[in-house]
N, C-alpha and C. Protein backbone atom coordinates (compact mmCIF):
# COMPACT_ATOMS: atom_id res chain seq x y z
N MET A 1 10.41 28.48 -3.36
CA MET A 1 11.26 27.76 -4.22
C MET A 1 11.22 28.43 -5.67
N THR A 2 12.38 28.26 -6.41
CA THR A 2 12.59 28.68 -7.58
C THR A 2 11.89 27.58 -8.52
N SER A 3 11.94 27.76 -9.65
CA SER A 3 11.33 27.08 -10.80
C SER A 3 12.29 25.63 -10.78
N ALA A 4 13.48 26.14 -10.79
CA ALA A 4 14.64 24.83 -10.82
C ALA A 4 14.51 24.22 -9.64
N GLN A 5 14.57 24.69 -8.33
CA GLN A 5 14.55 23.98 -7.22
C GLN A 5 13.17 23.06 -7.00
N ARG A 6 12.08 23.61 -7.36
CA ARG A 6 10.80 22.66 -7.46
C ARG A 6 10.89 21.42 -8.41
N SER A 7 11.68 21.87 -9.66
CA SER A 7 11.85 20.80 -10.42
C SER A 7 12.59 19.52 -9.95
N ALA A 8 13.79 20.04 -9.18
CA ALA A 8 14.70 18.88 -8.67
C ALA A 8 13.93 17.99 -7.62
N HIS A 9 13.30 19.02 -6.84
CA HIS A 9 12.61 18.30 -5.60
C HIS A 9 11.45 17.33 -6.25
N MET A 10 10.90 17.70 -7.31
CA MET A 10 9.77 16.69 -7.68
C MET A 10 10.42 15.69 -8.37
N ALA A 11 11.58 15.69 -8.86
CA ALA A 11 12.08 14.62 -9.75
C ALA A 11 12.60 13.48 -8.66
N ARG A 12 12.80 13.94 -7.42
CA ARG A 12 13.03 12.87 -6.28
C ARG A 12 12.20 12.30 -5.74
N ILE A 13 10.88 12.49 -6.19
CA ILE A 13 9.56 11.83 -5.67
C ILE A 13 9.43 10.59 -6.25
N LYS A 14 9.18 9.53 -5.77
CA LYS A 14 8.99 8.20 -6.39
C LYS A 14 7.69 7.68 -6.29
N ARG A 15 7.35 6.86 -7.41
CA ARG A 15 5.96 6.48 -7.70
C ARG A 15 5.95 5.13 -6.66
N ALA A 16 6.82 4.24 -6.47
CA ALA A 16 6.68 3.18 -5.71
C ALA A 16 7.93 3.17 -4.85
N HIS A 17 7.70 1.99 -3.72
CA HIS A 17 8.81 2.09 -2.77
C HIS A 17 8.99 3.23 -1.93
N THR A 18 8.04 3.82 -1.54
CA THR A 18 8.08 4.95 -0.96
C THR A 18 8.21 4.82 0.75
N LYS A 19 8.34 5.57 1.34
CA LYS A 19 8.54 5.41 2.89
C LYS A 19 7.52 4.92 3.62
N PRO A 20 6.31 5.31 3.35
CA PRO A 20 4.99 4.73 3.91
C PRO A 20 4.75 3.32 3.32
N GLU A 21 5.19 3.05 2.08
CA GLU A 21 5.01 1.66 1.74
C GLU A 21 5.81 0.65 2.10
N MET A 22 7.12 0.93 2.48
CA MET A 22 8.23 0.16 3.04
C MET A 22 7.70 -0.05 4.34
N ILE A 23 7.06 0.86 5.17
CA ILE A 23 7.01 0.55 6.58
C ILE A 23 5.79 -0.60 6.52
N VAL A 24 4.78 -0.41 5.72
CA VAL A 24 3.74 -1.62 5.66
C VAL A 24 4.34 -2.68 5.07
N ARG A 25 5.12 -2.74 4.34
CA ARG A 25 5.88 -4.00 3.76
C ARG A 25 6.82 -4.74 4.89
N ARG A 26 7.45 -4.05 5.49
CA ARG A 26 8.22 -4.62 6.63
C ARG A 26 7.65 -5.08 7.67
N LEU A 27 6.46 -4.53 7.92
CA LEU A 27 5.61 -4.86 9.08
C LEU A 27 4.89 -6.20 8.78
N LEU A 28 4.41 -6.34 7.42
CA LEU A 28 3.60 -7.29 7.04
C LEU A 28 4.60 -8.55 6.87
N HIS A 29 5.84 -8.33 6.43
CA HIS A 29 7.02 -9.24 6.54
C HIS A 29 7.19 -9.88 7.89
N ARG A 30 7.50 -8.95 8.85
CA ARG A 30 7.52 -9.44 10.19
C ARG A 30 6.43 -10.17 10.79
N LEU A 31 5.31 -9.83 10.57
CA LEU A 31 4.02 -10.57 10.92
C LEU A 31 3.95 -12.03 10.22
N GLY A 32 4.80 -12.28 9.25
CA GLY A 32 4.99 -13.61 8.57
C GLY A 32 4.13 -13.86 7.41
N TYR A 33 3.68 -12.55 6.66
CA TYR A 33 3.15 -12.65 5.42
C TYR A 33 3.98 -12.63 4.30
N ARG A 34 3.63 -13.15 3.42
CA ARG A 34 4.38 -13.00 1.92
C ARG A 34 3.28 -12.60 1.04
N PHE A 35 3.88 -11.95 0.16
CA PHE A 35 2.93 -10.94 -0.75
C PHE A 35 3.80 -10.82 -2.09
N LYS A 36 2.99 -10.15 -3.36
CA LYS A 36 3.58 -9.77 -4.37
C LYS A 36 3.59 -8.13 -4.36
N LEU A 37 4.70 -7.49 -4.99
CA LEU A 37 4.57 -5.94 -4.93
C LEU A 37 4.23 -5.40 -6.29
N GLN A 38 3.66 -4.40 -6.22
CA GLN A 38 3.18 -3.78 -7.54
C GLN A 38 2.64 -4.67 -8.67
N TRP A 39 1.83 -5.58 -8.23
CA TRP A 39 1.55 -6.68 -9.16
C TRP A 39 0.53 -6.12 -10.05
N LYS A 40 1.09 -6.27 -11.35
CA LYS A 40 0.41 -5.56 -12.49
C LYS A 40 -1.07 -6.54 -12.93
N ALA A 41 -1.23 -7.87 -12.33
CA ALA A 41 -2.24 -8.62 -12.79
C ALA A 41 -3.54 -8.23 -11.88
N ALA A 42 -3.28 -7.44 -10.82
CA ALA A 42 -4.36 -7.04 -10.00
C ALA A 42 -4.69 -5.80 -10.49
N PRO A 43 -6.26 -5.11 -10.27
CA PRO A 43 -6.53 -4.04 -10.72
C PRO A 43 -5.93 -2.92 -9.96
N GLY A 44 -5.37 -1.93 -10.70
CA GLY A 44 -4.69 -0.46 -10.01
C GLY A 44 -3.51 -0.82 -9.63
N ARG A 45 -2.62 -1.70 -10.08
CA ARG A 45 -1.23 -1.91 -9.55
C ARG A 45 -1.22 -1.85 -8.39
N PRO A 46 -1.85 -2.60 -7.12
CA PRO A 46 -1.57 -2.28 -5.79
C PRO A 46 -0.20 -2.36 -5.35
N ASP A 47 0.22 -1.51 -4.28
CA ASP A 47 1.20 -1.60 -3.68
C ASP A 47 1.77 -3.18 -3.21
N VAL A 48 0.58 -3.78 -2.54
CA VAL A 48 0.92 -5.18 -1.96
C VAL A 48 -0.33 -5.77 -2.45
N ALA A 49 0.10 -7.13 -2.81
CA ALA A 49 -1.07 -8.23 -3.40
C ALA A 49 -0.77 -9.56 -2.53
N PHE A 50 -2.19 -10.08 -2.24
CA PHE A 50 -2.11 -11.33 -1.65
C PHE A 50 -2.89 -12.21 -2.84
N PRO A 51 -2.38 -12.59 -3.93
CA PRO A 51 -3.24 -13.32 -5.06
C PRO A 51 -4.14 -14.49 -4.46
N GLY A 52 -3.62 -15.29 -3.58
CA GLY A 52 -4.15 -16.49 -3.00
C GLY A 52 -5.42 -16.01 -2.07
N ARG A 53 -5.33 -14.86 -1.55
CA ARG A 53 -6.46 -14.50 -0.69
C ARG A 53 -7.30 -13.42 -1.34
N ARG A 54 -7.14 -13.17 -2.59
CA ARG A 54 -7.88 -12.24 -3.46
C ARG A 54 -8.04 -10.77 -2.64
N SER A 55 -6.65 -10.40 -2.10
CA SER A 55 -6.77 -9.09 -1.34
C SER A 55 -5.45 -8.32 -1.74
N ILE A 56 -5.87 -6.93 -1.56
CA ILE A 56 -4.65 -5.95 -2.15
C ILE A 56 -4.86 -4.71 -1.28
N ILE A 57 -3.65 -4.16 -1.07
CA ILE A 57 -3.28 -3.23 -0.32
C ILE A 57 -3.04 -1.85 -1.22
N PHE A 58 -3.36 -0.71 -0.96
CA PHE A 58 -2.81 0.63 -1.58
C PHE A 58 -2.36 1.32 -0.58
N VAL A 59 -1.34 1.83 -0.65
CA VAL A 59 -0.60 2.59 0.22
C VAL A 59 -0.83 3.98 -0.16
N HIS A 60 -1.33 5.18 0.29
CA HIS A 60 -1.38 6.26 -0.36
C HIS A 60 -0.78 7.50 0.45
N GLY A 61 -0.07 8.31 -0.23
CA GLY A 61 0.50 9.27 0.55
C GLY A 61 -0.83 10.36 0.65
N CYS A 62 -0.62 10.92 1.94
CA CYS A 62 -1.71 11.73 2.19
C CYS A 62 -1.62 13.19 1.51
N PHE A 63 -0.68 13.65 1.01
CA PHE A 63 -0.40 14.63 0.21
C PHE A 63 -0.84 14.47 -1.12
N TRP A 64 -0.43 13.19 -1.78
CA TRP A 64 -0.63 12.95 -3.07
C TRP A 64 -2.14 12.61 -3.69
N HIS A 65 -2.74 12.16 -2.53
CA HIS A 65 -3.98 11.49 -2.62
C HIS A 65 -5.12 12.14 -1.77
N GLN A 66 -4.56 13.38 -1.17
CA GLN A 66 -5.54 14.28 -0.61
C GLN A 66 -6.33 13.56 0.61
N HIS A 67 -5.92 12.87 1.54
CA HIS A 67 -6.42 12.30 2.47
C HIS A 67 -7.20 13.38 3.34
N ASN A 68 -8.70 13.13 3.24
CA ASN A 68 -9.52 14.20 3.89
C ASN A 68 -9.40 14.15 5.40
N GLY A 69 -9.13 15.76 5.70
CA GLY A 69 -8.96 15.73 7.25
C GLY A 69 -7.72 15.61 7.83
N CYS A 70 -6.50 15.40 6.81
CA CYS A 70 -5.37 15.05 7.30
C CYS A 70 -4.51 16.38 7.38
N LYS A 71 -3.67 16.57 8.22
CA LYS A 71 -2.70 17.83 8.09
C LYS A 71 -1.49 17.84 7.06
N LEU A 72 -1.32 16.64 6.68
CA LEU A 72 -0.52 16.53 5.60
C LEU A 72 -0.93 16.74 4.18
N ALA A 73 -2.52 16.87 4.06
CA ALA A 73 -2.95 16.98 2.73
C ALA A 73 -3.47 18.36 2.52
N HIS A 74 -2.43 19.18 2.32
CA HIS A 74 -2.63 20.66 2.09
C HIS A 74 -2.44 20.92 0.67
N VAL A 75 -3.01 22.04 0.04
CA VAL A 75 -2.66 22.14 -1.47
C VAL A 75 -1.89 23.42 -1.54
N PRO A 76 -0.83 23.30 -2.29
CA PRO A 76 0.28 24.27 -2.44
C PRO A 76 -0.44 25.84 -2.71
N ALA A 77 0.19 26.88 -2.36
CA ALA A 77 -0.41 28.04 -2.55
C ALA A 77 0.01 28.40 -4.01
N THR A 78 1.16 27.88 -4.71
CA THR A 78 1.50 28.48 -5.78
C THR A 78 0.82 27.20 -6.99
N ARG A 79 0.34 28.07 -7.95
CA ARG A 79 0.07 27.11 -9.10
C ARG A 79 -1.38 26.44 -8.43
N ARG A 80 -1.99 26.97 -7.70
CA ARG A 80 -2.99 26.44 -7.09
C ARG A 80 -4.18 25.48 -8.08
N PRO A 81 -4.47 26.03 -9.36
CA PRO A 81 -5.45 25.33 -10.24
C PRO A 81 -4.74 23.92 -10.68
N PHE A 82 -3.55 24.38 -10.86
CA PHE A 82 -2.78 23.03 -11.40
C PHE A 82 -2.71 21.85 -10.24
N TRP A 83 -2.36 22.08 -9.00
CA TRP A 83 -2.59 21.22 -8.14
C TRP A 83 -4.07 20.60 -7.76
N GLU A 84 -5.07 21.55 -7.79
CA GLU A 84 -6.09 20.91 -7.65
C GLU A 84 -6.74 20.02 -8.85
N ALA A 85 -6.39 20.10 -9.90
CA ALA A 85 -6.54 19.40 -11.19
C ALA A 85 -5.87 18.11 -10.93
N LYS A 86 -4.52 18.32 -10.59
CA LYS A 86 -3.73 16.95 -10.34
C LYS A 86 -4.59 15.95 -9.18
N PHE A 87 -4.86 16.58 -8.06
CA PHE A 87 -5.32 15.82 -7.10
C PHE A 87 -6.95 15.49 -7.36
N ASP A 88 -7.50 16.02 -8.39
CA ASP A 88 -8.91 15.63 -8.51
C ASP A 88 -8.57 14.34 -9.39
N ARG A 89 -7.76 14.14 -10.57
CA ARG A 89 -7.26 13.09 -10.91
C ARG A 89 -6.90 12.12 -10.19
N ASN A 90 -6.26 12.14 -9.19
CA ASN A 90 -5.57 11.36 -8.73
C ASN A 90 -6.73 10.48 -7.57
N ARG A 91 -7.51 11.36 -7.16
CA ARG A 91 -8.69 10.81 -6.41
C ARG A 91 -9.81 10.21 -7.42
N ALA A 92 -9.94 10.58 -8.45
CA ALA A 92 -10.68 9.73 -9.52
C ALA A 92 -10.12 8.37 -9.99
N ARG A 93 -8.84 8.45 -9.92
CA ARG A 93 -8.22 7.22 -10.60
C ARG A 93 -8.35 6.22 -9.27
N ASP A 94 -8.11 6.80 -8.06
CA ASP A 94 -8.10 6.05 -6.78
C ASP A 94 -9.50 5.14 -6.53
N ALA A 95 -10.74 6.16 -7.02
CA ALA A 95 -12.03 5.34 -6.78
C ALA A 95 -12.10 4.52 -7.98
N ARG A 96 -11.82 4.75 -9.10
CA ARG A 96 -11.85 3.80 -10.34
C ARG A 96 -11.10 2.55 -10.06
N ASP A 97 -9.96 2.51 -9.50
CA ASP A 97 -9.31 1.71 -9.11
C ASP A 97 -9.98 0.66 -7.89
N LEU A 98 -10.32 1.20 -6.80
CA LEU A 98 -10.97 0.47 -5.94
C LEU A 98 -12.36 -0.30 -6.61
N GLU A 99 -13.27 0.68 -7.30
CA GLU A 99 -14.44 0.12 -7.56
C GLU A 99 -14.04 -1.06 -8.65
N ARG A 100 -12.84 -1.03 -9.61
CA ARG A 100 -12.68 -2.21 -10.45
C ARG A 100 -12.21 -3.44 -9.90
N ALA A 101 -11.39 -3.07 -8.54
CA ALA A 101 -11.08 -4.39 -7.84
C ALA A 101 -12.39 -4.91 -7.16
N SER A 102 -13.26 -4.09 -6.59
CA SER A 102 -14.22 -4.92 -5.83
C SER A 102 -15.28 -5.30 -7.05
N SER A 103 -15.34 -4.92 -8.16
CA SER A 103 -16.13 -5.74 -9.22
C SER A 103 -15.71 -6.93 -9.65
N GLN A 104 -14.09 -7.25 -9.65
CA GLN A 104 -13.69 -8.27 -9.84
C GLN A 104 -13.39 -9.22 -8.78
N GLY A 105 -13.69 -9.05 -7.61
CA GLY A 105 -14.07 -9.90 -6.44
C GLY A 105 -12.79 -9.87 -5.63
N TRP A 106 -12.00 -8.65 -5.71
CA TRP A 106 -10.84 -8.64 -4.80
C TRP A 106 -11.27 -7.56 -3.39
N ARG A 107 -10.68 -7.98 -2.43
CA ARG A 107 -10.92 -7.33 -1.23
C ARG A 107 -9.71 -6.45 -1.06
N THR A 108 -10.23 -5.10 -0.84
CA THR A 108 -9.20 -3.96 -0.66
C THR A 108 -9.08 -3.22 0.44
N LEU A 109 -7.71 -2.75 0.84
CA LEU A 109 -7.50 -1.94 1.77
C LEU A 109 -6.82 -0.75 1.54
N VAL A 110 -6.83 0.40 2.05
CA VAL A 110 -6.13 1.55 1.66
C VAL A 110 -5.52 1.98 3.04
N VAL A 111 -4.25 2.33 3.06
CA VAL A 111 -3.40 2.46 4.28
C VAL A 111 -2.97 3.86 3.78
N TRP A 112 -3.10 4.87 4.61
CA TRP A 112 -2.63 6.07 4.57
C TRP A 112 -1.44 6.49 5.17
N GLU A 113 -0.83 7.29 4.46
CA GLU A 113 0.82 7.71 4.92
C GLU A 113 0.67 7.98 6.60
N CYS A 114 -0.34 8.66 6.95
CA CYS A 114 -0.41 9.22 8.64
C CYS A 114 -0.77 7.95 9.32
N GLN A 115 -1.16 6.96 8.99
CA GLN A 115 -1.67 5.55 9.58
C GLN A 115 -0.48 4.83 9.91
N THR A 116 0.80 5.11 9.18
CA THR A 116 1.64 4.14 9.43
C THR A 116 2.74 4.48 10.62
N GLN A 117 2.19 5.82 11.20
CA GLN A 117 3.04 6.18 12.52
C GLN A 117 2.82 5.31 13.57
N ASP A 118 1.57 4.84 13.97
CA ASP A 118 1.29 4.06 14.90
C ASP A 118 1.40 2.38 14.67
N GLU A 119 2.61 1.81 14.80
CA GLU A 119 2.96 0.44 14.21
C GLU A 119 2.04 -0.56 14.85
N ALA A 120 1.58 -0.46 16.22
CA ALA A 120 0.87 -1.36 16.79
C ALA A 120 -0.65 -1.49 16.27
N LYS A 121 -1.01 -0.05 16.09
CA LYS A 121 -2.24 -0.07 15.63
C LYS A 121 -2.55 -0.57 13.92
N LEU A 122 -1.49 -0.43 13.25
CA LEU A 122 -1.44 -0.65 11.83
C LEU A 122 -1.30 -2.16 11.79
N ALA A 123 -0.53 -2.82 12.52
CA ALA A 123 -0.14 -4.18 12.71
C ALA A 123 -1.82 -5.08 12.81
N GLU A 124 -2.50 -4.43 13.96
CA GLU A 124 -3.88 -4.95 14.18
C GLU A 124 -4.52 -4.85 13.08
N ARG A 125 -4.74 -3.71 12.41
CA ARG A 125 -5.35 -3.50 11.07
C ARG A 125 -4.99 -4.63 10.01
N LEU A 126 -3.68 -4.71 9.45
CA LEU A 126 -3.42 -5.63 8.52
C LEU A 126 -3.71 -6.88 9.06
N ARG A 127 -3.45 -7.41 10.16
CA ARG A 127 -3.86 -8.74 10.67
C ARG A 127 -5.23 -9.06 10.24
N ALA A 128 -6.19 -7.96 10.52
CA ALA A 128 -7.71 -8.07 10.78
C ALA A 128 -7.87 -8.18 9.17
N PHE A 129 -7.21 -7.41 8.27
CA PHE A 129 -7.61 -7.39 6.77
C PHE A 129 -7.07 -8.67 6.06
N VAL A 130 -5.74 -9.11 6.23
CA VAL A 130 -5.21 -10.26 5.31
C VAL A 130 -5.66 -11.44 6.16
N GLY A 131 -5.75 -11.31 7.56
CA GLY A 131 -6.31 -12.95 7.80
C GLY A 131 -4.90 -13.45 8.71
N PRO A 132 -5.29 -14.81 9.01
CA PRO A 132 -4.21 -15.67 9.78
C PRO A 132 -3.14 -15.97 8.89
N VAL A 133 -1.94 -16.12 9.35
CA VAL A 133 -0.59 -16.46 8.69
C VAL A 133 -0.96 -17.73 8.28
N ARG A 134 -0.42 -18.34 7.02
CA ARG A 134 -0.42 -19.65 6.72
C ARG A 134 0.74 -20.56 7.56
N LEU A 135 0.32 -21.02 8.70
CA LEU A 135 1.35 -21.48 9.79
C LEU A 135 2.05 -22.64 9.05
N GLU A 136 1.38 -23.68 8.63
CA GLU A 136 1.85 -25.03 8.24
C GLU A 136 3.29 -24.82 7.32
N ARG A 137 3.19 -24.13 6.33
CA ARG A 137 4.35 -23.50 5.57
C ARG A 137 5.61 -22.95 6.66
N GLU A 138 5.03 -21.89 7.31
CA GLU A 138 6.09 -21.23 8.25
C GLU A 138 6.70 -22.48 9.27
N LEU A 139 5.86 -23.14 9.89
CA LEU A 139 6.38 -24.27 10.65
C LEU A 139 7.47 -25.20 10.24
N ALA A 140 6.95 -25.62 8.90
CA ALA A 140 7.82 -26.37 8.21
C ALA A 140 9.07 -26.05 7.82
N SER A 141 9.08 -24.64 7.70
CA SER A 141 10.58 -24.09 7.12
C SER A 141 11.30 -23.89 8.43
N ARG A 142 10.47 -23.40 9.37
CA ARG A 142 11.27 -23.18 10.72
C ARG A 142 11.90 -24.27 11.49
N LEU A 143 11.32 -25.43 11.27
CA LEU A 143 11.61 -26.67 11.69
C LEU A 143 12.71 -27.31 10.82
N ASP A 144 12.65 -26.82 9.60
CA ASP A 144 13.40 -27.37 8.58
C ASP A 144 13.21 -29.03 8.22
N LEU A 145 12.06 -29.27 8.01
CA LEU A 145 11.61 -30.20 7.85
C LEU A 145 11.68 -30.73 6.38
N GLY A 146 12.00 -31.84 6.12
CA GLY A 146 12.23 -32.38 4.56
C GLY A 146 10.72 -32.69 4.12
N PRO A 147 10.59 -32.89 2.84
CA PRO A 147 9.51 -33.17 2.19
C PRO A 147 8.74 -34.38 2.57
N SER A 148 9.41 -35.29 3.14
CA SER A 148 8.79 -36.59 3.40
C SER A 148 8.17 -36.17 4.74
N ALA A 149 8.67 -35.68 5.68
CA ALA A 149 8.25 -34.98 7.07
C ALA A 149 6.65 -34.30 7.04
N ARG A 150 6.84 -33.62 5.87
CA ARG A 150 5.69 -32.60 5.71
C ARG A 150 4.53 -33.41 5.19
N SER A 151 4.74 -34.44 4.46
CA SER A 151 3.44 -34.96 3.93
C SER A 151 2.88 -35.99 4.96
N SER A 152 3.55 -36.67 6.00
CA SER A 152 3.18 -37.40 7.09
C SER A 152 2.30 -36.85 8.06
């Protein structure tokens, strides 16, 4: 790629609302969970947060966060020192965010981009991490019960 092509390509890469993140969010929503996005009050500004459960999910791209052993986690051949330093900073920030979250009493889960391919496996993992859906609210809204029926 030319320098201009590389620049144009890199400019299109998003920090949030990426394809892997959208897969996780849509799946969580279909499973009945409600959550906050890019929640600044949680350590590390996680992609998905469940404040009431003190649980957060980080969705990492295998390339940008250098997922060990993953075929998507290659280092570009050009400007190798630049990329290695960038990936080192990303991994250090990830470790710092996870440590800070843990020390503040948050439960954390990292979902890697390559793990979003198997939806059934991902759904099982997300259910195990987040816990049961809060059915009382869901049932009340599905049955369209008024406030008086919910309190009795």
